[in-house]
Amino acid sequence: MEKSFLTLSGVSFLVGIIILFISKVVTANLELVHNVGIDTIGDYNFSYYAVASFVIGIIFLILNFLPFFTKK
């Protein structure tokens, strides 16, 4: 059971990194090609999804190590 939490944690962190990279590419594309202002792009909250993915990864990591703290 603990291995699945560790795997899910790793996947969540990777998804967060991929979302951050894609959001930077999309932001640069909107600014340079379509002349969209940074204030308008900020309204989309692209980084919120990456932060949520990192938080989910941390939760899975805590769930992975939780049995080590509860054993007597």
PDB file of N, CA and C in Angstrom:
ATOM      1  N   MET A   1       0.823  -1.193   0.000  1.00  0.00           N
ATOM      2  CA  MET A   1       0.000   0.000   0.000  1.00  0.00           C
ATOM      3  C   MET A   1       0.871   1.262   0.000  1.00  0.00           C
ATOM      4  N   GLU A   2       1.981   1.237   0.749  1.00  0.00           N
ATOM      5  CA  GLU A   2       2.812   2.433   0.848  1.00  0.00           C
ATOM      6  C   GLU A   2       3.491   2.759  -0.480  1.00  0.00           C
ATOM      7  N   LYS A   3       3.772   1.738  -1.297  1.00  0.00           N
ATOM      8  CA  LYS A   3       4.443   1.993  -2.565  1.00  0.00           C
ATOM      9  C   LYS A   3       3.547   2.781  -3.516  1.00  0.00           C
ATOM     10  N   SER A   4       2.250   2.534  -3.441  1.00  0.00           N
ATOM     11  CA  SER A   4       1.351   3.264  -4.328  1.00  0.00           C
ATOM     12  C   SER A   4       1.303   4.753  -3.966  1.00  0.00           C
ATOM     13  N   PHE A   5       1.348   5.067  -2.670  1.00  0.00           N
ATOM     14  CA  PHE A   5       1.373   6.473  -2.268  1.00  0.00           C
ATOM     15  C   PHE A   5       2.654   7.157  -2.734  1.00  0.00           C
ATOM     16  N   LEU A   6       3.771   6.443  -2.669  1.00  0.00           N
ATOM     17  CA  LEU A   6       5.036   7.019  -3.124  1.00  0.00           C
ATOM     18  C   LEU A   6       5.009   7.249  -4.630  1.00  0.00           C
ATOM     19  N   THR A   7       4.443   6.312  -5.362  1.00  0.00           N
ATOM     20  CA  THR A   7       4.324   6.465  -6.810  1.00  0.00           C
ATOM     21  C   THR A   7       3.402   7.623  -7.162  1.00  0.00           C
ATOM     22  N   LEU A   8       2.269   7.716  -6.480  1.00  0.00           N
ATOM     23  CA  LEU A   8       1.341   8.822  -6.729  1.00  0.00           C
ATOM     24  C   LEU A   8       1.964  10.169  -6.372  1.00  0.00           C
ATOM     25  N   SER A   9       2.765  10.191  -5.340  1.00  0.00           N
ATOM     26  CA  SER A   9       3.454  11.424  -4.961  1.00  0.00           C
ATOM     27  C   SER A   9       4.418  11.859  -6.060  1.00  0.00           C
ATOM     28  N   GLY A  10       5.201  10.913  -6.558  1.00  0.00           N
ATOM     29  CA  GLY A  10       6.134  11.225  -7.644  1.00  0.00           C
ATOM     30  C   GLY A  10       5.420  11.701  -8.891  1.00  0.00           C
ATOM     31  N   VAL A  11       4.319  11.054  -9.220  1.00  0.00           N
ATOM     32  CA  VAL A  11       3.540  11.457 -10.398  1.00  0.00           C
ATOM     33  C   VAL A  11       2.968  12.856 -10.201  1.00  0.00           C
ATOM     34  N   SER A  12       2.487  13.153  -9.008  1.00  0.00           N
ATOM     35  CA  SER A  12       1.932  14.481  -8.739  1.00  0.00           C
ATOM     36  C   SER A  12       2.995  15.567  -8.871  1.00  0.00           C
ATOM     37  N   PHE A  13       4.199  15.294  -8.360  1.00  0.00           N
ATOM     38  CA  PHE A  13       5.279  16.271  -8.495  1.00  0.00           C
ATOM     39  C   PHE A  13       5.656  16.471  -9.965  1.00  0.00           C
ATOM     40  N   LEU A  14       5.725  15.385 -10.729  1.00  0.00           N
ATOM     41  CA  LEU A  14       6.052  15.509 -12.149  1.00  0.00           C
ATOM     42  C   LEU A  14       4.971  16.269 -12.905  1.00  0.00           C
ATOM     43  N   VAL A  15       3.723  16.002 -12.590  1.00  0.00           N
ATOM     44  CA  VAL A  15       2.630  16.730 -13.234  1.00  0.00           C
ATOM     45  C   VAL A  15       2.715  18.215 -12.887  1.00  0.00           C
ATOM     46  N   GLY A  16       3.048  18.525 -11.639  1.00  0.00           N
ATOM     47  CA  GLY A  16       3.214  19.923 -11.250  1.00  0.00           C
ATOM     48  C   GLY A  16       4.326  20.611 -12.022  1.00  0.00           C
ATOM     49  N   ILE A  17       5.445  19.920 -12.208  1.00  0.00           N
ATOM     50  CA  ILE A  17       6.560  20.495 -12.972  1.00  0.00           C
ATOM     51  C   ILE A  17       6.162  20.697 -14.428  1.00  0.00           C
ATOM     52  N   ILE A  18       5.462  19.717 -14.992  1.00  0.00           N
ATOM     53  CA  ILE A  18       5.016  19.840 -16.385  1.00  0.00           C
ATOM     54  C   ILE A  18       4.028  20.987 -16.536  1.00  0.00           C
ATOM     55  N   ILE A  19       3.116  21.132 -15.584  1.00  0.00           N
ATOM     56  CA  ILE A  19       2.149  22.239 -15.645  1.00  0.00           C
ATOM     57  C   ILE A  19       2.860  23.585 -15.542  1.00  0.00           C
ATOM     58  N   LEU A  20       3.864  23.686 -14.661  1.00  0.00           N
ATOM     59  CA  LEU A  20       4.621  24.941 -14.563  1.00  0.00           C
ATOM     60  C   LEU A  20       5.318  25.270 -15.875  1.00  0.00           C
ATOM     61  N   PHE A  21       5.939  24.258 -16.493  1.00  0.00           N
ATOM     62  CA  PHE A  21       6.638  24.485 -17.761  1.00  0.00           C
ATOM     63  C   PHE A  21       5.656  24.902 -18.850  1.00  0.00           C
ATOM     64  N   ILE A  22       4.538  24.199 -18.944  1.00  0.00           N
ATOM     65  CA  ILE A  22       3.551  24.530 -19.969  1.00  0.00           C
ATOM     66  C   ILE A  22       2.964  25.917 -19.739  1.00  0.00           C
ATOM     67  N   SER A  23       2.737  26.274 -18.469  1.00  0.00           N
ATOM     68  CA  SER A  23       2.180  27.607 -18.201  1.00  0.00           C
ATOM     69  C   SER A  23       3.159  28.708 -18.600  1.00  0.00           C
ATOM     70  N   LYS A  24       4.446  28.470 -18.428  1.00  0.00           N
ATOM     71  CA  LYS A  24       5.435  29.474 -18.856  1.00  0.00           C
ATOM     72  C   LYS A  24       5.461  29.594 -20.372  1.00  0.00           C
ATOM     73  N   VAL A  25       5.342  28.465 -21.070  1.00  0.00           N
ATOM     74  CA  VAL A  25       5.321  28.499 -22.532  1.00  0.00           C
ATOM     75  C   VAL A  25       4.060  29.209 -23.029  1.00  0.00           C
ATOM     76  N   VAL A  26       2.919  28.897 -22.429  1.00  0.00           N
ATOM     77  CA  VAL A  26       1.664  29.539 -22.833  1.00  0.00           C
ATOM     78  C   VAL A  26       1.719  31.039 -22.539  1.00  0.00           C
ATOM     79  N   THR A  27       2.264  31.416 -21.390  1.00  0.00           N
ATOM     80  CA  THR A  27       2.376  32.830 -21.040  1.00  0.00           C
ATOM     81  C   THR A  27       3.265  33.571 -22.030  1.00  0.00           C
ATOM     82  N   ALA A  28       4.409  32.972 -22.359  1.00  0.00           N
ATOM     83  CA  ALA A  28       5.305  33.613 -23.331  1.00  0.00           C
ATOM     84  C   ALA A  28       4.639  33.723 -24.694  1.00  0.00           C
ATOM     85  N   ASN A  29       3.913  32.697 -25.098  1.00  0.00           N
ATOM     86  CA  ASN A  29       3.219  32.724 -26.385  1.00  0.00           C
ATOM     87  C   ASN A  29       2.155  33.818 -26.403  1.00  0.00           C
ATOM     88  N   LEU A  30       1.383  33.924 -25.351  1.00  0.00           N
ATOM     89  CA  LEU A  30       0.341  34.953 -25.309  1.00  0.00           C
ATOM     90  C   LEU A  30       0.937  36.359 -25.322  1.00  0.00           C
ATOM     91  N   GLU A  31       2.057  36.536 -24.612  1.00  0.00           N
ATOM     92  CA  GLU A  31       2.676  37.867 -24.561  1.00  0.00           C
ATOM     93  C   GLU A  31       3.305  38.249 -25.892  1.00  0.00           C
ATOM     94  N   LEU A  32       4.060  37.331 -26.480  1.00  0.00           N
ATOM     95  CA  LEU A  32       4.845  37.682 -27.665  1.00  0.00           C
ATOM     96  C   LEU A  32       4.048  37.626 -28.967  1.00  0.00           C
ATOM     97  N   VAL A  33       3.229  36.625 -29.117  1.00  0.00           N
ATOM     98  CA  VAL A  33       2.540  36.437 -30.392  1.00  0.00           C
ATOM     99  C   VAL A  33       1.212  37.180 -30.448  1.00  0.00           C
ATOM    100  N   HIS A  34       0.459  37.117 -29.367  1.00  0.00           N
ATOM    101  CA  HIS A  34      -0.892  37.666 -29.392  1.00  0.00           C
ATOM    102  C   HIS A  34      -1.016  39.010 -28.682  1.00  0.00           C
ATOM    103  N   ASN A  35       0.078  39.550 -28.180  1.00  0.00           N
ATOM    104  CA  ASN A  35       0.108  40.851 -27.507  1.00  0.00           C
ATOM    105  C   ASN A  35      -0.904  40.958 -26.363  1.00  0.00           C
ATOM    106  N   VAL A  36      -1.000  39.905 -25.583  1.00  0.00           N
ATOM    107  CA  VAL A  36      -1.875  39.906 -24.414  1.00  0.00           C
ATOM    108  C   VAL A  36      -1.050  40.394 -23.230  1.00  0.00           C
ATOM    109  N   GLY A  37      -1.590  41.307 -22.450  1.00  0.00           N
ATOM    110  CA  GLY A  37      -0.860  41.870 -21.324  1.00  0.00           C
ATOM    111  C   GLY A  37      -0.704  40.882 -20.177  1.00  0.00           C
ATOM    112  N   ILE A  38       0.317  41.114 -19.360  1.00  0.00           N
ATOM    113  CA  ILE A  38       0.599  40.226 -18.234  1.00  0.00           C
ATOM    114  C   ILE A  38      -0.514  40.283 -17.193  1.00  0.00           C
ATOM    115  N   ASP A  39      -1.195  41.410 -17.067  1.00  0.00           N
ATOM    116  CA  ASP A  39      -2.312  41.506 -16.118  1.00  0.00           C
ATOM    117  C   ASP A  39      -3.462  40.597 -16.527  1.00  0.00           C
ATOM    118  N   THR A  40      -3.715  40.523 -17.804  1.00  0.00           N
ATOM    119  CA  THR A  40      -4.776  39.649 -18.309  1.00  0.00           C
ATOM    120  C   THR A  40      -4.411  38.186 -18.115  1.00  0.00           C
ATOM    121  N   ILE A  41      -3.142  37.856 -18.354  1.00  0.00           N
ATOM    122  CA  ILE A  41      -2.684  36.470 -18.180  1.00  0.00           C
ATOM    123  C   ILE A  41      -2.755  36.077 -16.712  1.00  0.00           C
ATOM    124  N   GLY A  42      -2.468  37.011 -15.821  1.00  0.00           N
ATOM    125  CA  GLY A  42      -2.535  36.725 -14.393  1.00  0.00           C
ATOM    126  C   GLY A  42      -3.921  36.337 -13.927  1.00  0.00           C
ATOM    127  N   ASP A  43      -4.927  36.777 -14.651  1.00  0.00           N
ATOM    128  CA  ASP A  43      -6.306  36.427 -14.288  1.00  0.00           C
ATOM    129  C   ASP A  43      -6.621  34.955 -14.520  1.00  0.00           C
ATOM    130  N   TYR A  44      -5.829  34.282 -15.359  1.00  0.00           N
ATOM    131  CA  TYR A  44      -6.082  32.864 -15.641  1.00  0.00           C
ATOM    132  C   TYR A  44      -5.623  31.949 -14.513  1.00  0.00           C
ATOM    133  N   ASN A  45      -4.725  32.416 -13.660  1.00  0.00           N
ATOM    134  CA  ASN A  45      -4.212  31.632 -12.524  1.00  0.00           C
ATOM    135  C   ASN A  45      -3.645  30.277 -12.945  1.00  0.00           C
ATOM    136  N   PHE A  46      -2.737  30.290 -13.911  1.00  0.00           N
ATOM    137  CA  PHE A  46      -2.123  29.041 -14.364  1.00  0.00           C
ATOM    138  C   PHE A  46      -1.336  28.358 -13.256  1.00  0.00           C
ATOM    139  N   SER A  47      -0.684  29.125 -12.407  1.00  0.00           N
ATOM    140  CA  SER A  47       0.171  28.531 -11.380  1.00  0.00           C
ATOM    141  C   SER A  47      -0.642  27.846 -10.285  1.00  0.00           C
ATOM    142  N   TYR A  48      -1.917  28.159 -10.171  1.00  0.00           N
ATOM    143  CA  TYR A  48      -2.764  27.534  -9.148  1.00  0.00           C
ATOM    144  C   TYR A  48      -2.819  26.019  -9.337  1.00  0.00           C
ATOM    145  N   TYR A  49      -2.889  25.567 -10.582  1.00  0.00           N
ATOM    146  CA  TYR A  49      -2.970  24.134 -10.847  1.00  0.00           C
ATOM    147  C   TYR A  49      -1.670  23.424 -10.483  1.00  0.00           C
ATOM    148  N   ALA A  50      -0.553  24.068 -10.729  1.00  0.00           N
ATOM    149  CA  ALA A  50       0.736  23.473 -10.370  1.00  0.00           C
ATOM    150  C   ALA A  50       0.885  23.392  -8.855  1.00  0.00           C
ATOM    151  N   VAL A  51       0.499  24.430  -8.158  1.00  0.00           N
ATOM    152  CA  VAL A  51       0.574  24.429  -6.688  1.00  0.00           C
ATOM    153  C   VAL A  51      -0.349  23.354  -6.120  1.00  0.00           C
ATOM    154  N   ALA A  52      -1.540  23.221  -6.686  1.00  0.00           N
ATOM    155  CA  ALA A  52      -2.462  22.179  -6.226  1.00  0.00           C
ATOM    156  C   ALA A  52      -1.869  20.797  -6.448  1.00  0.00           C
ATOM    157  N   SER A  53      -1.191  20.602  -7.564  1.00  0.00           N
ATOM    158  CA  SER A  53      -0.555  19.312  -7.838  1.00  0.00           C
ATOM    159  C   SER A  53       0.571  19.036  -6.850  1.00  0.00           C
ATOM    160  N   PHE A  54       1.365  20.060  -6.509  1.00  0.00           N
ATOM    161  CA  PHE A  54       2.431  19.876  -5.525  1.00  0.00           C
ATOM    162  C   PHE A  54       1.861  19.556  -4.143  1.00  0.00           C
ATOM    163  N   VAL A  55       0.765  20.199  -3.777  1.00  0.00           N
ATOM    164  CA  VAL A  55       0.138  19.934  -2.480  1.00  0.00           C
ATOM    165  C   VAL A  55      -0.391  18.503  -2.428  1.00  0.00           C
ATOM    166  N   ILE A  56      -0.990  18.045  -3.510  1.00  0.00           N
ATOM    167  CA  ILE A  56      -1.458  16.659  -3.565  1.00  0.00           C
ATOM    168  C   ILE A  56      -0.281  15.700  -3.440  1.00  0.00           C
ATOM    169  N   GLY A  57       0.843  16.038  -4.080  1.00  0.00           N
ATOM    170  CA  GLY A  57       2.044  15.210  -3.966  1.00  0.00           C
ATOM    171  C   GLY A  57       2.560  15.146  -2.539  1.00  0.00           C
ATOM    172  N   ILE A  58       2.521  16.263  -1.834  1.00  0.00           N
ATOM    173  CA  ILE A  58       2.964  16.284  -0.439  1.00  0.00           C
ATOM    174  C   ILE A  58       2.024  15.460   0.435  1.00  0.00           C
ATOM    175  N   ILE A  59       0.731  15.539   0.157  1.00  0.00           N
ATOM    176  CA  ILE A  59      -0.227  14.734   0.922  1.00  0.00           C
ATOM    177  C   ILE A  59       0.039  13.249   0.716  1.00  0.00           C
ATOM    178  N   PHE A  60       0.274  12.833  -0.520  1.00  0.00           N
ATOM    179  CA  PHE A  60       0.581  11.424  -0.784  1.00  0.00           C
ATOM    180  C   PHE A  60       1.899  11.012  -0.126  1.00  0.00           C
ATOM    181  N   LEU A  61       2.879  11.920  -0.094  1.00  0.00           N
ATOM    182  CA  LEU A  61       4.149  11.617   0.555  1.00  0.00           C
ATOM    183  C   LEU A  61       3.968  11.440   2.054  1.00  0.00           C
ATOM    184  N   ILE A  62       3.150  12.279   2.665  1.00  0.00           N
ATOM    185  CA  ILE A  62       2.859  12.133   4.097  1.00  0.00           C
ATOM    186  C   ILE A  62       2.125  10.830   4.360  1.00  0.00           C
ATOM    187  N   LEU A  63       1.159  10.494   3.492  1.00  0.00           N
ATOM    188  CA  LEU A  63       0.437   9.232   3.659  1.00  0.00           C
ATOM    189  C   LEU A  63       1.361   8.031   3.498  1.00  0.00           C
ATOM    190  N   ASN A  64       2.415   8.189   2.706  1.00  0.00           N
ATOM    191  CA  ASN A  64       3.374   7.108   2.525  1.00  0.00           C
ATOM    192  C   ASN A  64       4.152   6.837   3.808  1.00  0.00           C
ATOM    193  N   PHE A  65       4.565   7.885   4.504  1.00  0.00           N
ATOM    194  CA  PHE A  65       5.388   7.725   5.693  1.00  0.00           C
ATOM    195  C   PHE A  65       4.578   7.679   6.991  1.00  0.00           C
ATOM    196  N   LEU A  66       3.276   7.826   6.919  1.00  0.00           N
ATOM    197  CA  LEU A  66       2.427   7.805   8.101  1.00  0.00           C
ATOM    198  C   LEU A  66       2.510   6.489   8.879  1.00  0.00           C
ATOM    199  N   PRO A  67       2.542   5.318   8.248  1.00  0.00           N
ATOM    200  CA  PRO A  67       2.625   4.073   9.021  1.00  0.00           C
ATOM    201  C   PRO A  67       3.899   3.961   9.857  1.00  0.00           C
ATOM    202  N   PHE A  68       4.988   4.598   9.440  1.00  0.00           N
ATOM    203  CA  PHE A  68       6.231   4.530  10.217  1.00  0.00           C
ATOM    204  C   PHE A  68       6.108   5.270  11.550  1.00  0.00           C
ATOM    205  N   PHE A  69       5.253   6.289  11.600  1.00  0.00           N
ATOM    206  CA  PHE A  69       5.076   7.064  12.808  1.00  0.00           C
ATOM    207  C   PHE A  69       4.011   6.480  13.724  1.00  0.00           C
ATOM    208  N   THR A  70       3.112   5.676  13.163  1.00  0.00           N
ATOM    209  CA  THR A  70       2.042   5.127  13.979  1.00  0.00           C
ATOM    210  C   THR A  70       2.355   3.751  14.533  1.00  0.00           C
ATOM    211  N   LYS A  71       3.426   3.083  14.038  1.00  0.00           N
ATOM    212  CA  LYS A  71       3.794   1.775  14.556  1.00  0.00           C
ATOM    213  C   LYS A  71       4.448   1.920  15.934  1.00  0.00           C
ATOM    214  N   LYS A  72       4.198   0.925  16.792  1.00  0.00           N
ATOM    215  CA  LYS A  72       4.808   0.981  18.128  1.00  0.00           C
ATOM    216  C   LYS A  72       5.879  -0.051  18.246  1.00  0.00           C
TER     217      LYS A  72
END
